């Protein structure tokens, strides 16, 4: 295992297997998967989410990340602030001033972008199937490139997808 804690974010458009992959990787590496906070938060709302809700989600994501106890096992984050930033831009056409700086200065080692080769499945929290799914996927990848983050596209179904992701994570472990 590495000398420092390896931080891996599982990201990508809706319905691409992020949660499943994050949990599978945590099981494989005997580590932890940090669940997507926004999902449980939005599901608990009694009304549609607002700009303030999305900012609360962003701040909570940061708090959760900063409170992970450091050890030598990799930690896998089911989504992260890139999606939140894009959501601010896509839905509200604005974002908090502090968000960009936090993202630029983050210590994420690897982003695994789940390919959209899996079918989109309806879920009450999901909003962007169809054409928007591809548009958002492209925006996420463009942001990862803009920030200069290390990222890999993870394709395939089931065990193949998990094996492909393990291959990318293993490349970072001495």
Foldseek 3Di string as FASTA:
>chain_A
DDPWAAEEEEAAFAPLCLVVLQVLVCVVQVHEEAEQPLVVQCVPDPDHDDLVSLVVSQVVLVVVVVPDDIDHTYYYYSDHCLLSVVCCCVPVVDHDPCSVVCVLPDDHQEYEYRDCPDAHDDDPVDDDDDPRRVVVRVSSVVVCVVSVHHYDYFDDDDPSSNVSVVVVVVVVPD
